[in-house]
Amino acid sequence: MSSIDVNEGRGGVGFRIQHVWAVLAVHSDEDEGVVAVQTAPGHWLPLIAADETRLEQITALARRFAKEQNRPLRLVRFTVRENLETFHPDGRRERAG
C-alpha cells in the first residue's frame, strides 16, 4: 500500500505522491476537521501522511487522542490527485490544465 511511485533516474527526490492520509475529527453532525497537534505557541502540525512511516506515526497519535478526548477520530485516504498550480522560485505561477 505505497503512496509513492519511485521514479529513479528522473531527478528530484525519486518519488511522486499518489495519495495522502489524514486524521479527521468527527463532529456529532458529521462535519469533519483535520486533527492537528500544537508544536509550539501558534504552530500547528496537521496529522497527514504521504508514506507508510508517517502513517504509522499519525495512526498511533490518533488512537491516543481518541482515547484522551473520548471522541471518535477517523483515518481517511484521499486518492484523487489533481495538480492545480505550480509556484516557481522567480514568483511565476503556472495553472494546470
PDB file of N, CA and C in Angstrom:
ATOM      1  N   MET A   1       0.842  -1.179   0.000  1.00  0.00           N
ATOM      2  CA  MET A   1       0.000   0.000   0.000  1.00  0.00           C
ATOM      3  C   MET A   1       0.887   1.243   0.000  1.00  0.00           C
ATOM      4  N   SER A   2       1.641   1.443  -1.017  1.00  0.00           N
ATOM      5  CA  SER A   2       2.568   2.564  -1.082  1.00  0.00           C
ATOM      6  C   SER A   2       1.884   3.803  -1.646  1.00  0.00           C
ATOM      7  N   SER A   3       2.224   4.959  -1.078  1.00  0.00           N
ATOM      8  CA  SER A   3       1.648   6.204  -1.563  1.00  0.00           C
ATOM      9  C   SER A   3       2.579   6.922  -2.515  1.00  0.00           C
ATOM     10  N   ILE A   4       3.684   6.290  -2.879  1.00  0.00           N
ATOM     11  CA  ILE A   4       4.639   6.943  -3.758  1.00  0.00           C
ATOM     12  C   ILE A   4       5.028   6.014  -4.898  1.00  0.00           C
ATOM     13  N   ASP A   5       5.328   6.614  -6.024  1.00  0.00           N
ATOM     14  CA  ASP A   5       5.890   5.884  -7.149  1.00  0.00           C
ATOM     15  C   ASP A   5       7.354   6.245  -7.227  1.00  0.00           C
ATOM     16  N   VAL A   6       8.230   5.259  -7.304  1.00  0.00           N
ATOM     17  CA  VAL A   6       9.659   5.526  -7.422  1.00  0.00           C
ATOM     18  C   VAL A   6       9.965   5.871  -8.865  1.00  0.00           C
ATOM     19  N   ASN A   7      10.624   7.001  -9.059  1.00  0.00           N
ATOM     20  CA  ASN A   7      10.973   7.486 -10.394  1.00  0.00           C
ATOM     21  C   ASN A   7      12.484   7.610 -10.495  1.00  0.00           C
ATOM     22  N   GLU A   8      13.164   6.503 -10.437  1.00  0.00           N
ATOM     23  CA  GLU A   8      14.618   6.504 -10.488  1.00  0.00           C
ATOM     24  C   GLU A   8      15.103   7.102 -11.803  1.00  0.00           C
ATOM     25  N   GLY A   9      16.164   7.896 -11.710  1.00  0.00           N
ATOM     26  CA  GLY A   9      16.800   8.434 -12.900  1.00  0.00           C
ATOM     27  C   GLY A   9      16.117   9.652 -13.489  1.00  0.00           C
ATOM     28  N   ARG A  10      15.042  10.132 -12.872  1.00  0.00           N
ATOM     29  CA  ARG A  10      14.335  11.286 -13.416  1.00  0.00           C
ATOM     30  C   ARG A  10      14.679  12.561 -12.652  1.00  0.00           C
ATOM     31  N   GLY A  11      15.601  12.489 -11.722  1.00  0.00           N
ATOM     32  CA  GLY A  11      15.966  13.674 -10.949  1.00  0.00           C
ATOM     33  C   GLY A  11      15.043  13.856  -9.767  1.00  0.00           C
ATOM     34  N   GLY A  12      15.244  14.928  -9.019  1.00  0.00           N
ATOM     35  CA  GLY A  12      14.383  15.202  -7.874  1.00  0.00           C
ATOM     36  C   GLY A  12      14.627  14.240  -6.741  1.00  0.00           C
ATOM     37  N   VAL A  13      13.590  14.009  -5.963  1.00  0.00           N
ATOM     38  CA  VAL A  13      13.731  13.176  -4.770  1.00  0.00           C
ATOM     39  C   VAL A  13      13.383  11.718  -5.012  1.00  0.00           C
ATOM     40  N   GLY A  14      12.897  11.370  -6.187  1.00  0.00           N
ATOM     41  CA  GLY A  14      12.697   9.972  -6.517  1.00  0.00           C
ATOM     42  C   GLY A  14      11.338   9.403  -6.209  1.00  0.00           C
ATOM     43  N   PHE A  15      10.355  10.236  -5.890  1.00  0.00           N
ATOM     44  CA  PHE A  15       9.009   9.708  -5.703  1.00  0.00           C
ATOM     45  C   PHE A  15       7.967  10.756  -6.054  1.00  0.00           C
ATOM     46  N   ARG A  16       6.764  10.278  -6.248  1.00  0.00           N
ATOM     47  CA  ARG A  16       5.625  11.141  -6.572  1.00  0.00           C
ATOM     48  C   ARG A  16       4.479  10.734  -5.656  1.00  0.00           C
ATOM     49  N   ILE A  17       3.896  11.683  -4.969  1.00  0.00           N
ATOM     50  CA  ILE A  17       2.805  11.395  -4.037  1.00  0.00           C
ATOM     51  C   ILE A  17       1.562  11.030  -4.841  1.00  0.00           C
ATOM     52  N   GLN A  18       0.991   9.873  -4.544  1.00  0.00           N
ATOM     53  CA  GLN A  18      -0.208   9.400  -5.226  1.00  0.00           C
ATOM     54  C   GLN A  18      -1.459   9.520  -4.363  1.00  0.00           C
ATOM     55  N   HIS A  19      -1.279   9.481  -3.050  1.00  0.00           N
ATOM     56  CA  HIS A  19      -2.405   9.685  -2.144  1.00  0.00           C
ATOM     57  C   HIS A  19      -1.886  10.131  -0.783  1.00  0.00           C
ATOM     58  N   VAL A  20      -2.773  10.698  -0.001  1.00  0.00           N
ATOM     59  CA  VAL A  20      -2.425  11.122   1.354  1.00  0.00           C
ATOM     60  C   VAL A  20      -3.475  10.612   2.327  1.00  0.00           C
ATOM     61  N   TRP A  21      -3.025  10.386   3.536  1.00  0.00           N
ATOM     62  CA  TRP A  21      -3.910  10.008   4.628  1.00  0.00           C
ATOM     63  C   TRP A  21      -4.056  11.209   5.555  1.00  0.00           C
ATOM     64  N   ALA A  22      -5.204  11.314   6.208  1.00  0.00           N
ATOM     65  CA  ALA A  22      -5.424  12.376   7.183  1.00  0.00           C
ATOM     66  C   ALA A  22      -6.261  11.823   8.330  1.00  0.00           C
ATOM     67  N   VAL A  23      -6.023  12.352   9.522  1.00  0.00           N
ATOM     68  CA  VAL A  23      -6.848  12.025  10.676  1.00  0.00           C
ATOM     69  C   VAL A  23      -7.849  13.156  10.838  1.00  0.00           C
ATOM     70  N   LEU A  24      -9.128  12.788  10.886  1.00  0.00           N
ATOM     71  CA  LEU A  24     -10.197  13.772  10.976  1.00  0.00           C
ATOM     72  C   LEU A  24     -10.960  13.628  12.284  1.00  0.00           C
ATOM     73  N   ALA A  25     -11.334  14.750  12.859  1.00  0.00           N
ATOM     74  CA  ALA A  25     -12.261  14.765  13.990  1.00  0.00           C
ATOM     75  C   ALA A  25     -13.663  14.699  13.405  1.00  0.00           C
ATOM     76  N   VAL A  26     -14.493  13.857  13.983  1.00  0.00           N
ATOM     77  CA  VAL A  26     -15.859  13.689  13.510  1.00  0.00           C
ATOM     78  C   VAL A  26     -16.792  14.325  14.533  1.00  0.00           C
ATOM     79  N   HIS A  27     -17.552  15.312  14.101  1.00  0.00           N
ATOM     80  CA  HIS A  27     -18.466  16.006  14.993  1.00  0.00           C
ATOM     81  C   HIS A  27     -19.840  15.336  14.962  1.00  0.00           C
ATOM     82  N   SER A  28     -20.676  15.652  15.926  1.00  0.00           N
ATOM     83  CA  SER A  28     -21.977  14.988  16.049  1.00  0.00           C
ATOM     84  C   SER A  28     -22.851  15.170  14.810  1.00  0.00           C
ATOM     85  N   ASP A  29     -22.695  16.268  14.078  1.00  0.00           N
ATOM     86  CA  ASP A  29     -23.489  16.494  12.867  1.00  0.00           C
ATOM     87  C   ASP A  29     -22.799  15.934  11.619  1.00  0.00           C
ATOM     88  N   GLU A  30     -21.745  15.132  11.823  1.00  0.00           N
ATOM     89  CA  GLU A  30     -20.949  14.504  10.765  1.00  0.00           C
ATOM     90  C   GLU A  30     -20.041  15.480  10.039  1.00  0.00           C
ATOM     91  N   ASP A  31     -19.959  16.733  10.497  1.00  0.00           N
ATOM     92  CA  ASP A  31     -18.929  17.627   9.979  1.00  0.00           C
ATOM     93  C   ASP A  31     -17.578  17.053  10.382  1.00  0.00           C
ATOM     94  N   GLU A  32     -16.541  17.369   9.631  1.00  0.00           N
ATOM     95  CA  GLU A  32     -15.206  16.856   9.910  1.00  0.00           C
ATOM     96  C   GLU A  32     -14.200  17.997   9.871  1.00  0.00           C
ATOM     97  N   GLY A  33     -13.097  17.794  10.570  1.00  0.00           N
ATOM     98  CA  GLY A  33     -11.982  18.715  10.532  1.00  0.00           C
ATOM     99  C   GLY A  33     -10.692  17.955  10.689  1.00  0.00           C
ATOM    100  N   VAL A  34      -9.624  18.442  10.090  1.00  0.00           N
ATOM    101  CA  VAL A  34      -8.324  17.783  10.198  1.00  0.00           C
ATOM    102  C   VAL A  34      -7.778  17.998  11.609  1.00  0.00           C
ATOM    103  N   VAL A  35      -7.364  16.922  12.253  1.00  0.00           N
ATOM    104  CA  VAL A  35      -6.773  16.987  13.580  1.00  0.00           C
ATOM    105  C   VAL A  35      -5.346  17.498  13.452  1.00  0.00           C
ATOM    106  N   ALA A  36      -4.958  18.391  14.357  1.00  0.00           N
ATOM    107  CA  ALA A  36      -3.606  18.944  14.346  1.00  0.00           C
ATOM    108  C   ALA A  36      -3.054  18.954  15.765  1.00  0.00           C
ATOM    109  N   VAL A  37      -1.738  18.905  15.866  1.00  0.00           N
ATOM    110  CA  VAL A  37      -1.035  18.942  17.140  1.00  0.00           C
ATOM    111  C   VAL A  37      -0.334  20.285  17.236  1.00  0.00           C
ATOM    112  N   GLN A  38      -0.474  20.942  18.379  1.00  0.00           N
ATOM    113  CA  GLN A  38       0.241  22.204  18.570  1.00  0.00           C
ATOM    114  C   GLN A  38       1.669  21.877  18.994  1.00  0.00           C
ATOM    115  N   THR A  39       2.629  22.310  18.179  1.00  0.00           N
ATOM    116  CA  THR A  39       4.034  22.003  18.448  1.00  0.00           C
ATOM    117  C   THR A  39       4.728  23.115  19.215  1.00  0.00           C
ATOM    118  N   ALA A  40       4.206  24.315  19.094  1.00  0.00           N
ATOM    119  CA  ALA A  40       4.710  25.496  19.801  1.00  0.00           C
ATOM    120  C   ALA A  40       3.589  26.521  19.735  1.00  0.00           C
ATOM    121  N   PRO A  41       3.617  27.539  20.580  1.00  0.00           N
ATOM    122  CA  PRO A  41       2.545  28.534  20.522  1.00  0.00           C
ATOM    123  C   PRO A  41       2.373  29.096  19.102  1.00  0.00           C
ATOM    124  N   GLY A  42       1.173  28.941  18.579  1.00  0.00           N
ATOM    125  CA  GLY A  42       0.877  29.448  17.245  1.00  0.00           C
ATOM    126  C   GLY A  42       1.305  28.553  16.099  1.00  0.00           C
ATOM    127  N   HIS A  43       1.885  27.400  16.394  1.00  0.00           N
ATOM    128  CA  HIS A  43       2.356  26.474  15.355  1.00  0.00           C
ATOM    129  C   HIS A  43       1.622  25.146  15.487  1.00  0.00           C
ATOM    130  N   TRP A  44       0.963  24.747  14.404  1.00  0.00           N
ATOM    131  CA  TRP A  44       0.176  23.516  14.392  1.00  0.00           C
ATOM    132  C   TRP A  44       0.694  22.572  13.315  1.00  0.00           C
ATOM    133  N   LEU A  45       0.694  21.285  13.625  1.00  0.00           N
ATOM    134  CA  LEU A  45       1.126  20.243  12.692  1.00  0.00           C
ATOM    135  C   LEU A  45      -0.069  19.330  12.421  1.00  0.00           C
ATOM    136  N   PRO A  46      -0.660  19.411  11.217  1.00  0.00           N
ATOM    137  CA  PRO A  46      -1.814  18.552  10.925  1.00  0.00           C
ATOM    138  C   PRO A  46      -1.395  17.090  10.823  1.00  0.00           C
ATOM    139  N   LEU A  47      -2.284  16.204  11.230  1.00  0.00           N
ATOM    140  CA  LEU A  47      -1.989  14.778  11.160  1.00  0.00           C
ATOM    141  C   LEU A  47      -2.315  14.279   9.759  1.00  0.00           C
ATOM    142  N   ILE A  48      -1.344  14.443   8.862  1.00  0.00           N
ATOM    143  CA  ILE A  48      -1.445  13.969   7.489  1.00  0.00           C
ATOM    144  C   ILE A  48      -0.181  13.187   7.159  1.00  0.00           C
ATOM    145  N   ALA A  49      -0.298  12.273   6.202  1.00  0.00           N
ATOM    146  CA  ALA A  49       0.844  11.433   5.828  1.00  0.00           C
ATOM    147  C   ALA A  49       0.798  11.133   4.336  1.00  0.00           C
ATOM    148  N   ALA A  50       1.982  10.959   3.759  1.00  0.00           N
ATOM    149  CA  ALA A  50       2.087  10.556   2.353  1.00  0.00           C
ATOM    150  C   ALA A  50       2.972   9.324   2.200  1.00  0.00           C
ATOM    151  N   ASP A  51       3.371   8.718   3.308  1.00  0.00           N
ATOM    152  CA  ASP A  51       4.155   7.486   3.261  1.00  0.00           C
ATOM    153  C   ASP A  51       3.825   6.641   4.490  1.00  0.00           C
ATOM    154  N   GLU A  52       4.189   5.367   4.429  1.00  0.00           N
ATOM    155  CA  GLU A  52       3.812   4.426   5.471  1.00  0.00           C
ATOM    156  C   GLU A  52       4.439   4.734   6.830  1.00  0.00           C
ATOM    157  N   THR A  53       5.649   5.275   6.847  1.00  0.00           N
ATOM    158  CA  THR A  53       6.303   5.600   8.118  1.00  0.00           C
ATOM    159  C   THR A  53       5.518   6.674   8.851  1.00  0.00           C
ATOM    160  N   ARG A  54       5.192   7.731   8.152  1.00  0.00           N
ATOM    161  CA  ARG A  54       4.410   8.810   8.762  1.00  0.00           C
ATOM    162  C   ARG A  54       2.997   8.327   9.087  1.00  0.00           C
ATOM    163  N   LEU A  55       2.427   7.441   8.261  1.00  0.00           N
ATOM    164  CA  LEU A  55       1.103   6.884   8.525  1.00  0.00           C
ATOM    165  C   LEU A  55       1.080   6.171   9.875  1.00  0.00           C
ATOM    166  N   GLU A  56       2.100   5.384  10.151  1.00  0.00           N
ATOM    167  CA  GLU A  56       2.182   4.694  11.446  1.00  0.00           C
ATOM    168  C   GLU A  56       2.213   5.700  12.592  1.00  0.00           C
ATOM    169  N   GLN A  57       2.941   6.800  12.398  1.00  0.00           N
ATOM    170  CA  GLN A  57       3.050   7.818  13.441  1.00  0.00           C
ATOM    171  C   GLN A  57       1.708   8.505  13.703  1.00  0.00           C
ATOM    172  N   ILE A  58       1.014   8.912  12.634  1.00  0.00           N
ATOM    173  CA  ILE A  58      -0.244   9.616  12.856  1.00  0.00           C
ATOM    174  C   ILE A  58      -1.336   8.677  13.367  1.00  0.00           C
ATOM    175  N   THR A  59      -1.260   7.389  12.988  1.00  0.00           N
ATOM    176  CA  THR A  59      -2.227   6.421  13.479  1.00  0.00           C
ATOM    177  C   THR A  59      -2.072   6.233  14.987  1.00  0.00           C
ATOM    178  N   ALA A  60      -0.840   6.127  15.448  1.00  0.00           N
ATOM    179  CA  ALA A  60      -0.593   5.997  16.886  1.00  0.00           C
ATOM    180  C   ALA A  60      -1.096   7.223  17.640  1.00  0.00           C
ATOM    181  N   LEU A  61      -0.843   8.409  17.095  1.00  0.00           N
ATOM    182  CA  LEU A  61      -1.332   9.635  17.728  1.00  0.00           C
ATOM    183  C   LEU A  61      -2.854   9.683  17.726  1.00  0.00           C
ATOM    184  N   ALA A  62      -3.479   9.269  16.639  1.00  0.00           N
ATOM    185  CA  ALA A  62      -4.940   9.283  16.552  1.00  0.00           C
ATOM    186  C   ALA A  62      -5.559   8.378  17.605  1.00  0.00           C
ATOM    187  N   ARG A  63      -5.012   7.200  17.780  1.00  0.00           N
ATOM    188  CA  ARG A  63      -5.533   6.282  18.806  1.00  0.00           C
ATOM    189  C   ARG A  63      -5.430   6.906  20.195  1.00  0.00           C
ATOM    190  N   ARG A  64      -4.279   7.511  20.458  1.00  0.00           N
ATOM    191  CA  ARG A  64      -4.067   8.146  21.760  1.00  0.00           C
ATOM    192  C   ARG A  64      -5.022   9.317  21.974  1.00  0.00           C
ATOM    193  N   PHE A  65      -5.148  10.179  20.970  1.00  0.00           N
ATOM    194  CA  PHE A  65      -6.014  11.347  21.101  1.00  0.00           C
ATOM    195  C   PHE A  65      -7.478  10.950  21.224  1.00  0.00           C
ATOM    196  N   ALA A  66      -7.917   9.935  20.485  1.00  0.00           N
ATOM    197  CA  ALA A  66      -9.311   9.480  20.585  1.00  0.00           C
ATOM    198  C   ALA A  66      -9.625   9.040  22.010  1.00  0.00           C
ATOM    199  N   LYS A  67      -8.694   8.323  22.607  1.00  0.00           N
ATOM    200  CA  LYS A  67      -8.895   7.862  23.986  1.00  0.00           C
ATOM    201  C   LYS A  67      -8.863   9.037  24.958  1.00  0.00           C
ATOM    202  N   GLU A  68      -7.867   9.919  24.818  1.00  0.00           N
ATOM    203  CA  GLU A  68      -7.729  11.064  25.725  1.00  0.00           C
ATOM    204  C   GLU A  68      -8.913  12.017  25.632  1.00  0.00           C
ATOM    205  N   GLN A  69      -9.413  12.241  24.429  1.00  0.00           N
ATOM    206  CA  GLN A  69     -10.502  13.190  24.211  1.00  0.00           C
ATOM    207  C   GLN A  69     -11.888  12.546  24.280  1.00  0.00           C
ATOM    208  N   ASN A  70     -11.911  11.215  24.367  1.00  0.00           N
ATOM    209  CA  ASN A  70     -13.158  10.451  24.422  1.00  0.00           C
ATOM    210  C   ASN A  70     -14.088  10.837  23.256  1.00  0.00           C
ATOM    211  N   ARG A  71     -13.509  10.837  22.040  1.00  0.00           N
ATOM    212  CA  ARG A  71     -14.290  11.160  20.849  1.00  0.00           C
ATOM    213  C   ARG A  71     -13.734  10.382  19.664  1.00  0.00           C
ATOM    214  N   PRO A  72     -14.569  10.078  18.693  1.00  0.00           N
ATOM    215  CA  PRO A  72     -14.082   9.328  17.532  1.00  0.00           C
ATOM    216  C   PRO A  72     -13.211  10.190  16.628  1.00  0.00           C
ATOM    217  N   LEU A  73     -12.177   9.580  16.117  1.00  0.00           N
ATOM    218  CA  LEU A  73     -11.340  10.189  15.085  1.00  0.00           C
ATOM    219  C   LEU A  73     -11.339   9.234  13.905  1.00  0.00           C
ATOM    220  N   ARG A  74     -11.271   9.766  12.724  1.00  0.00           N
ATOM    221  CA  ARG A  74     -11.380   8.950  11.516  1.00  0.00           C
ATOM    222  C   ARG A  74     -10.105   9.091  10.693  1.00  0.00           C
ATOM    223  N   LEU A  75      -9.539   7.947  10.283  1.00  0.00           N
ATOM    224  CA  LEU A  75      -8.409   7.937   9.363  1.00  0.00           C
ATOM    225  C   LEU A  75      -8.973   7.791   7.954  1.00  0.00           C
ATOM    226  N   VAL A  76      -8.633   8.726   7.065  1.00  0.00           N
ATOM    227  CA  VAL A  76      -9.123   8.677   5.688  1.00  0.00           C
ATOM    228  C   VAL A  76      -7.945   8.727   4.721  1.00  0.00           C
ATOM    229  N   ARG A  77      -8.187   8.236   3.533  1.00  0.00           N
ATOM    230  CA  ARG A  77      -7.172   8.290   2.482  1.00  0.00           C
ATOM    231  C   ARG A  77      -7.780   8.993   1.275  1.00  0.00           C
ATOM    232  N   PHE A  78      -7.095  10.013   0.799  1.00  0.00           N
ATOM    233  CA  PHE A  78      -7.508  10.731  -0.395  1.00  0.00           C
ATOM    234  C   PHE A  78      -6.667  10.211  -1.553  1.00  0.00           C
ATOM    235  N   THR A  79      -7.327   9.781  -2.624  1.00  0.00           N
ATOM    236  CA  THR A  79      -6.606   9.106  -3.701  1.00  0.00           C
ATOM    237  C   THR A  79      -6.687   9.796  -5.052  1.00  0.00           C
ATOM    238  N   VAL A  80      -7.499  10.809  -5.186  1.00  0.00           N
ATOM    239  CA  VAL A  80      -7.604  11.505  -6.474  1.00  0.00           C
ATOM    240  C   VAL A  80      -6.629  12.673  -6.472  1.00  0.00           C
ATOM    241  N   ARG A  81      -5.728  12.653  -7.397  1.00  0.00           N
ATOM    242  CA  ARG A  81      -4.734  13.718  -7.493  1.00  0.00           C
ATOM    243  C   ARG A  81      -5.131  14.665  -8.614  1.00  0.00           C
ATOM    244  N   GLU A  82      -5.104  15.947  -8.311  1.00  0.00           N
ATOM    245  CA  GLU A  82      -5.351  16.977  -9.311  1.00  0.00           C
ATOM    246  C   GLU A  82      -4.326  18.079  -9.109  1.00  0.00           C
ATOM    247  N   ASN A  83      -3.439  18.247 -10.071  1.00  0.00           N
ATOM    248  CA  ASN A  83      -2.461  19.330  -9.999  1.00  0.00           C
ATOM    249  C   ASN A  83      -3.180  20.631 -10.344  1.00  0.00           C
ATOM    250  N   LEU A  84      -3.094  21.603  -9.445  1.00  0.00           N
ATOM    251  CA  LEU A  84      -3.806  22.855  -9.641  1.00  0.00           C
ATOM    252  C   LEU A  84      -2.915  23.983 -10.124  1.00  0.00           C
ATOM    253  N   GLU A  85      -1.747  24.100  -9.505  1.00  0.00           N
ATOM    254  CA  GLU A  85      -0.898  25.243  -9.816  1.00  0.00           C
ATOM    255  C   GLU A  85       0.532  24.927  -9.403  1.00  0.00           C
ATOM    256  N   THR A  86       1.490  25.509 -10.129  1.00  0.00           N
ATOM    257  CA  THR A  86       2.904  25.394  -9.784  1.00  0.00           C
ATOM    258  C   THR A  86       3.412  26.780  -9.443  1.00  0.00           C
ATOM    259  N   PHE A  87       4.104  26.892  -8.305  1.00  0.00           N
ATOM    260  CA  PHE A  87       4.690  28.151  -7.864  1.00  0.00           C
ATOM    261  C   PHE A  87       6.190  28.081  -8.116  1.00  0.00           C
ATOM    262  N   HIS A  88       6.710  28.950  -8.940  1.00  0.00           N
ATOM    263  CA  HIS A  88       8.115  28.936  -9.318  1.00  0.00           C
ATOM    264  C   HIS A  88       8.931  29.865  -8.420  1.00  0.00           C
ATOM    265  N   PRO A  89      10.230  29.560  -8.245  1.00  0.00           N
ATOM    266  CA  PRO A  89      11.082  30.393  -7.377  1.00  0.00           C
ATOM    267  C   PRO A  89      11.134  31.862  -7.800  1.00  0.00           C
ATOM    268  N   ASP A  90      10.966  32.131  -9.086  1.00  0.00           N
ATOM    269  CA  ASP A  90      11.024  33.521  -9.556  1.00  0.00           C
ATOM    270  C   ASP A  90       9.698  34.258  -9.391  1.00  0.00           C
ATOM    271  N   GLY A  91       8.716  33.611  -8.746  1.00  0.00           N
ATOM    272  CA  GLY A  91       7.441  34.250  -8.485  1.00  0.00           C
ATOM    273  C   GLY A  91       6.351  33.937  -9.503  1.00  0.00           C
ATOM    274  N   ARG A  92       6.742  33.290 -10.616  1.00  0.00           N
ATOM    275  CA  ARG A  92       5.722  32.925 -11.602  1.00  0.00           C
ATOM    276  C   ARG A  92       4.771  31.877 -11.032  1.00  0.00           C
ATOM    277  N   ARG A  93       3.523  31.964 -11.478  1.00  0.00           N
ATOM    278  CA  ARG A  93       2.517  30.966 -11.128  1.00  0.00           C
ATOM    279  C   ARG A  93       1.988  30.358 -12.412  1.00  0.00           C
ATOM    280  N   GLU A  94       1.967  29.045 -12.455  1.00  0.00           N
ATOM    281  CA  GLU A  94       1.509  28.334 -13.657  1.00  0.00           C
ATOM    282  C   GLU A  94       0.327  27.456 -13.277  1.00  0.00           C
ATOM    283  N   ARG A  95      -0.821  27.777 -13.822  1.00  0.00           N
ATOM    284  CA  ARG A  95      -2.033  26.988 -13.555  1.00  0.00           C
ATOM    285  C   ARG A  95      -2.027  25.738 -14.413  1.00  0.00           C
ATOM    286  N   ALA A  96      -2.459  24.627 -13.828  1.00  0.00           N
ATOM    287  CA  ALA A  96      -2.511  23.358 -14.569  1.00  0.00           C
ATOM    288  C   ALA A  96      -3.708  23.362 -15.518  1.00  0.00           C
ATOM    289  N   GLY A  97      -3.557  22.579 -16.560  1.00  0.00           N
ATOM    290  CA  GLY A  97      -4.663  22.370 -17.479  1.00  0.00           C
ATOM    291  C   GLY A  97      -4.776  23.421 -18.445  1.00  0.00           C
TER     292      GLY A  97
END
